[in-house]
Amino acid sequence: MISVLPNTITLGRLLSVPLLAILLSGYDYQLAFWFFLALSFSDGLDGYIARRFNAITPVGTLLDPVADKLLVITSASVLVWDGLLPLWIGAPLVLRDVAMLSAGLLDSKLRETPVPSNIWGKAHAGLAFLAIGLAIGEAANLFFSGWVSHAIWSALLVTVSITSVVYCAAWRRIHVLGSS
């Protein structure tokens, strides 16, 4: 029974993304903030449970990054559209995740041999969730982050760059090894 729980949490996060988009588009930022916080927390929770109880599955390995990327793509897109996240941070964030999601879903070699997670990817995900959460929280008038947001955005651009290079190198390695 416990082996189903991480995938259920991940699937719940994936299916909740449209609701978050509706909350953000409806300018219900307070509810959107708490909902986004719960979705962000669920990302760590499903991974913890899967690792702790040896419940890592091929479905979870596929669904978790898809859910994370759709959450970031959707949230960042709406926030940029509403002027709550600057385009200079939203565009690279969204483009990176769209490219990685597309490559992962369309490239048969990547579906067979997914790129393993690494510390840079985890740092990037954490910073992306933090940046989006801060933007929503500020829009909800829950707090003002000021210079903290700018520091996080700068760090996020660094992780966008590094994770893009790491992913491309891994993708190339998979293709080279696969054609040998």
Foldseek 3Di string as FASTA:
>chain_A
DLLCVLVVLLVVLQVCLVVLLVCLVVLVLVVSLVVLVVSLVSLVVSVCSCVVVVNDDLSSVLRSLVSLLSNLLSLLVSCCVVVLDPCVLSVLSNVLSVVLNCCCVPPPLCSVPPDDDDPLNVVLSVLSSVLSSQSSCVSVVVDHDPVVSVVSSVVNVVSSVVVSVVRVVVVVVSVVVVVD
